[in-house]
C-alpha cells in the first residue's frame, strides 16, 4: 500500500461536521481537505489533486440539487466520484441523487465499515477493509516461529504479527487471541500472505501478515464492531446547521 494518502474534498457547512468527517477520513488513511461551500470546493480543485468528493447532504433540497449540478458540470470535479452523506433514509431521494450522477449515498449515523468500503472502492484504495494499530498477544498452536507473538495491527481480514523470523508465504497457522475487554477468545485458522524481514531500512515493523480463513459470521461482526468503536467511539456527529 502506498504511503501517500489520497486527497478527499469534504464539503460541509457545519464546523462540527467538518471536524467529524475530517478526523474520520484521516484515521482511515485519506488526506481530507475542508470546504464550507461548493464554490469553495471548486476553487480548491484548481490547485489540488482530489480522488473523490464527499458532500454533506443535510441541506435544503434546492441547495442540494444545485450543489450536485455544479459539481457534476465542473471541468475538474465532474469525473470524480461524488459521495453524499445525509440523515434522510429515503429510497426515492437516494435514487434521485444516484440518477443525478452521485456515485454513492451514505446515510447517518455513518456505518464505519460500509463507509470505508465505499470510499476505498471509489478512490482505488487497494485495501478494502480498514485496519487499526493494536497490541494483542496471539497464541500460535503450531508453535512456529514462536508460541506467542504480539500483533501490530488488525483488520476484518487478518492480523499482522511482529517477528524477526517470519514464516514463508502460504504457511497455514491456527491462532488464538482475545480482543481488549472481551473475555471470550477468538480461535481461527490463518495463512501467511506477506512478510517483512528486519533490514537497515526500518520502514515497516518486521513480521508477517496473516489472512483469516473461513471466518464465522459472529467472529467477523465481533472484530468489525471492535474496529468501528476504536475508530469512531470518541466521535459524535452534532450538526450545527
Protein backbone atom coordinates (compact mmCIF):
# COMPACT_ATOMS: atom_id res chain seq x y z
CA UNK A 1 0.00 0.00 0.00
CA UNK A 2 1.29 3.44 -0.93
CA UNK A 3 2.42 5.72 1.90
CA UNK A 4 0.77 8.68 0.15
CA UNK A 5 -2.74 9.43 1.33
CA UNK A 6 -5.38 10.11 -1.31
CA UNK A 7 -6.88 13.58 -1.06
CA UNK A 8 -10.62 13.95 -0.50
CA UNK A 9 -12.52 17.23 -0.63
CA UNK A 10 -15.17 17.41 2.11
CA UNK A 11 -17.98 19.90 1.56
CA UNK A 12 -19.85 20.59 4.79
CA UNK A 13 -21.34 23.79 6.20
CA UNK A 14 -21.09 22.70 9.83
CA UNK A 15 -17.81 23.11 11.69
CA UNK A 16 -18.73 20.11 13.86
CA UNK A 17 -19.48 18.05 10.76
CA UNK A 18 -16.20 19.10 9.14
CA UNK A 19 -14.31 18.04 12.25
CA UNK A 20 -16.10 14.67 12.44
CA UNK A 21 -15.57 13.79 8.78
CA UNK A 22 -12.05 15.20 8.70
CA UNK A 23 -10.89 13.20 11.71
CA UNK A 24 -12.60 10.03 10.47
CA UNK A 25 -11.12 10.20 6.97
CA UNK A 26 -7.69 11.00 8.32
CA UNK A 27 -7.85 7.89 10.51
CA UNK A 28 -8.70 5.65 7.57
CA UNK A 29 -5.76 6.84 5.50
CA UNK A 30 -7.18 9.70 3.46
CA UNK A 31 -6.00 13.31 3.37
CA UNK A 32 -9.15 15.42 3.89
CA UNK A 33 -9.37 19.00 2.67
CA UNK A 34 -12.31 21.01 4.00
CA UNK A 35 -14.68 23.37 2.23
CA UNK A 36 -17.84 25.02 3.51
CA UNK A 37 -19.43 25.59 0.10
CA UNK A 38 -19.46 24.07 -3.36
CA UNK A 39 -17.88 27.21 -4.82
CA UNK A 40 -15.01 26.93 -2.33
CA UNK A 41 -14.52 23.26 -3.27
CA UNK A 42 -14.40 24.12 -6.97
CA UNK A 43 -11.77 26.77 -6.24
CA UNK A 44 -9.68 24.31 -4.21
CA UNK A 45 -9.89 21.76 -7.02
CA UNK A 46 -7.85 24.09 -9.23
CA UNK A 47 -4.77 23.61 -7.02
CA UNK A 48 -5.31 20.14 -5.52
CA UNK A 49 -5.45 16.61 -6.91
CA UNK A 50 -8.55 15.02 -5.37
CA UNK A 51 -9.55 11.35 -5.53
CA UNK A 52 -13.20 11.93 -4.67
CA UNK A 53 -15.74 14.41 -3.34
CA UNK A 54 -17.66 13.89 -0.08
CA UNK A 55 -20.70 16.14 0.31
CA UNK A 56 -22.78 16.54 3.48
CA UNK A 57 -26.30 16.43 2.09
CA UNK A 58 -28.14 17.67 5.18
CA UNK A 59 -29.17 20.91 3.48
CA UNK A 60 -32.45 22.08 1.98
CA UNK A 61 -33.35 20.18 -1.18
CA UNK A 62 -32.95 23.07 -3.68
CA UNK A 63 -29.45 23.74 -2.34
CA UNK A 64 -28.56 20.05 -2.58
CA UNK A 65 -29.74 19.82 -6.20
CA UNK A 66 -27.83 22.97 -7.15
CA UNK A 67 -24.65 21.70 -5.48
CA UNK A 68 -24.82 18.33 -7.27
CA UNK A 69 -25.36 20.07 -10.62
CA UNK A 70 -22.39 22.39 -10.07
CA UNK A 71 -20.09 19.54 -9.04
CA UNK A 72 -21.10 17.30 -11.95
CA UNK A 73 -20.63 20.06 -14.53
CA UNK A 74 -17.35 21.48 -13.24
CA UNK A 75 -14.47 20.75 -15.63
CA UNK A 76 -12.21 19.44 -12.85
CA UNK A 77 -14.62 17.72 -10.45
CA UNK A 78 -17.17 16.29 -12.89
CA UNK A 79 -15.36 12.99 -13.41
CA UNK A 80 -14.53 12.38 -9.76
CA UNK A 81 -16.64 10.02 -7.64
CA UNK A 82 -19.20 12.02 -5.66
CA UNK A 83 -20.44 10.58 -2.35
CA UNK A 84 -23.30 12.20 -0.44
CA UNK A 85 -23.95 11.52 3.25
CA UNK A 86 -27.28 12.53 4.75
CA UNK A 87 -29.69 11.75 7.56
CA UNK A 88 -32.73 11.00 5.36
CA UNK A 89 -33.01 7.29 4.61
CA UNK A 90 -35.46 7.88 1.77
CA UNK A 91 -35.12 5.39 -1.14
CA UNK A 92 -36.72 7.82 -3.59
CA UNK A 93 -34.38 10.66 -2.60
CA UNK A 94 -31.37 8.34 -2.73
CA UNK A 95 -32.29 7.09 -6.19
CA UNK A 96 -32.75 10.68 -7.36
CA UNK A 97 -29.21 11.52 -6.21
CA UNK A 98 -27.77 8.45 -7.93
CA UNK A 99 -29.61 9.37 -11.13
CA UNK A 100 -28.15 12.88 -10.90
CA UNK A 101 -24.62 11.44 -11.02
CA UNK A 102 -23.73 10.63 -7.41
CA UNK A 103 -21.57 7.54 -7.07
CA UNK A 104 -22.96 6.55 -3.66
CA UNK A 105 -25.22 7.82 -0.88
CA UNK A 106 -24.40 7.04 2.76
CA UNK A 107 -26.97 7.51 5.50
CA UNK A 108 -26.24 8.80 9.00
CA UNK A 109 -25.29 7.62 11.50
CA UNK A 110 -22.44 6.51 9.27
CA UNK A 111 -21.58 2.82 9.38
CA UNK A 112 -17.80 2.87 9.51
CA UNK A 113 -17.28 -0.44 7.71
CA UNK A 114 -19.65 0.47 4.85
CA UNK A 115 -18.20 3.97 4.55
CA UNK A 116 -14.63 2.70 4.35
CA UNK A 117 -15.54 0.07 1.76
CA UNK A 118 -17.33 2.61 -0.46
CA UNK A 119 -14.58 5.24 -0.27
CA UNK A 120 -11.81 2.67 -0.81
CA UNK A 121 -13.55 1.22 -3.86
CA UNK A 122 -14.31 4.59 -5.45
CA UNK A 123 -10.85 6.06 -4.79
CA UNK A 124 -8.91 2.98 -5.89
CA UNK A 125 -7.53 2.12 -2.45
CA UNK A 126 -6.02 -1.40 -2.62
CA UNK A 127 -7.14 -2.21 0.93
CA UNK A 128 -10.88 -2.93 1.10
CA UNK A 129 -11.16 -3.04 4.91
CA UNK A 130 -9.64 -0.64 7.41
CA UNK A 131 -7.03 -1.73 9.93
CA UNK A 132 -6.15 -0.40 13.36
CA UNK A 133 -2.97 -0.48 15.39
CA UNK A 134 -3.50 -2.78 18.36
CA UNK A 135 -1.20 -4.78 20.63
CA UNK A 136 -2.66 -8.23 21.32
CA UNK A 137 -0.92 -11.38 22.47
CA UNK A 138 -1.52 -14.08 19.86
CA UNK A 139 -1.05 -17.77 20.64
CA UNK A 140 0.08 -19.97 17.75
CA UNK A 141 -0.94 -23.61 18.08
CA UNK A 142 1.89 -24.84 15.85
CA UNK A 143 4.46 -23.02 17.99
CA UNK A 144 6.19 -21.52 14.96
CA UNK A 145 8.01 -19.26 14.61
CA UNK A 146 7.20 -18.86 18.33
CA UNK A 147 4.41 -19.96 20.66
CA UNK A 148 3.31 -16.36 21.32
CA UNK A 149 3.69 -13.24 19.18
CA UNK A 150 2.47 -9.68 19.59
CA UNK A 151 0.17 -8.13 16.98
CA UNK A 152 0.94 -4.83 15.27
CA UNK A 153 -2.42 -4.20 13.60
CA UNK A 154 -5.77 -5.87 12.99
CA UNK A 155 -8.42 -5.73 10.26
CA UNK A 156 -11.57 -7.68 9.42
CA UNK A 157 -9.49 -9.75 7.04
CA UNK A 158 -6.38 -10.51 9.04
CA UNK A 159 -3.71 -9.62 11.57
CA UNK A 160 -0.06 -8.57 11.38
CA UNK A 161 2.34 -10.17 13.87
CA UNK A 162 5.73 -8.82 14.86
CA UNK A 163 8.64 -11.27 14.49
CA UNK A 164 12.17 -11.22 13.10
CA UNK A 165 11.66 -14.81 11.92
CA UNK A 166 8.63 -14.64 9.60
CA UNK A 167 7.38 -17.86 8.01
CA UNK A 168 7.08 -18.44 4.27
CA UNK A 169 4.04 -17.14 2.44
CA UNK A 170 1.34 -19.79 2.21
CA UNK A 171 2.06 -21.32 5.62
CA UNK A 172 -1.19 -22.17 7.47
CA UNK A 173 -1.42 -21.46 11.20
CA UNK A 174 -4.07 -21.83 13.89
CA UNK A 175 -4.15 -18.82 16.18
CA UNK A 176 -5.95 -17.72 19.32
CA UNK A 177 -6.34 -14.20 20.72
CA UNK A 178 -8.73 -12.06 22.73
CA UNK A 179 -9.86 -8.56 21.87
CA UNK A 180 -9.44 -5.94 24.61
CA UNK A 181 -12.27 -6.09 27.18
CA UNK A 182 -13.61 -9.35 25.69
CA UNK A 183 -13.16 -12.47 27.79
CA UNK A 184 -14.13 -14.88 25.01
CA UNK A 185 -11.09 -15.72 22.84
CA UNK A 186 -11.14 -15.93 19.06
CA UNK A 187 -9.73 -19.13 17.59
CA UNK A 188 -9.25 -19.21 13.84
CA UNK A 189 -7.05 -20.51 11.04
CA UNK A 190 -4.93 -18.01 9.12
CA UNK A 191 -2.41 -18.22 6.32
CA UNK A 192 0.72 -16.13 5.81
CA UNK A 193 0.17 -13.74 2.90
CA UNK A 194 3.06 -11.29 3.28
CA UNK A 195 6.28 -10.94 5.21
CA UNK A 196 8.70 -8.17 6.11
CA UNK A 197 12.22 -9.01 7.27
CA UNK A 198 14.42 -6.95 9.53
CA UNK A 199 16.63 -4.69 7.39
CA UNK A 200 18.59 -1.47 7.57
CA UNK A 201 15.60 0.40 6.09
CA UNK A 202 13.22 0.23 9.06
CA UNK A 203 10.08 1.47 7.27
CA UNK A 204 7.84 -1.44 8.32
CA UNK A 205 7.98 -3.47 11.51
CA UNK A 206 9.46 -6.90 10.78
CA UNK A 207 6.81 -9.58 10.86
CA UNK A 208 4.18 -11.39 8.85
CA UNK A 209 0.67 -10.61 7.72
CA UNK A 210 -1.89 -13.34 8.27
CA UNK A 211 -5.21 -13.64 6.41
CA UNK A 212 -8.09 -15.20 8.31
CA UNK A 213 -9.50 -18.38 6.75
CA UNK A 214 -13.19 -19.44 6.91
CA UNK A 215 -14.12 -16.81 9.48
CA UNK A 216 -17.51 -17.39 11.16
CA UNK A 217 -20.01 -14.54 10.83
CA UNK A 218 -20.15 -13.89 14.58
CA UNK A 219 -16.35 -13.56 14.71
CA UNK A 220 -16.39 -11.14 11.77
CA UNK A 221 -19.01 -8.99 13.49
CA UNK A 222 -17.05 -9.02 16.74
CA UNK A 223 -13.89 -7.78 15.01
CA UNK A 224 -15.83 -5.29 12.89
CA UNK A 225 -17.57 -3.79 15.93
CA UNK A 226 -14.27 -3.54 17.81
CA UNK A 227 -12.58 -1.72 14.92
CA UNK A 228 -15.55 0.62 14.48
CA UNK A 229 -15.51 1.51 18.19
CA UNK A 230 -11.75 2.10 18.17
CA UNK A 231 -12.09 4.35 15.11
CA UNK A 232 -15.22 6.28 15.99
CA UNK A 233 -16.06 5.69 19.66
CA UNK A 234 -14.73 9.12 20.66
CA UNK A 235 -16.52 10.94 17.84
CA UNK A 236 -20.09 12.20 17.78
CA UNK A 237 -21.86 13.98 14.95
CA UNK A 238 -23.53 17.16 16.18
CA UNK A 239 -24.86 19.17 13.28
CA UNK A 240 -25.00 22.91 13.86
CA UNK A 241 -26.59 23.84 10.54
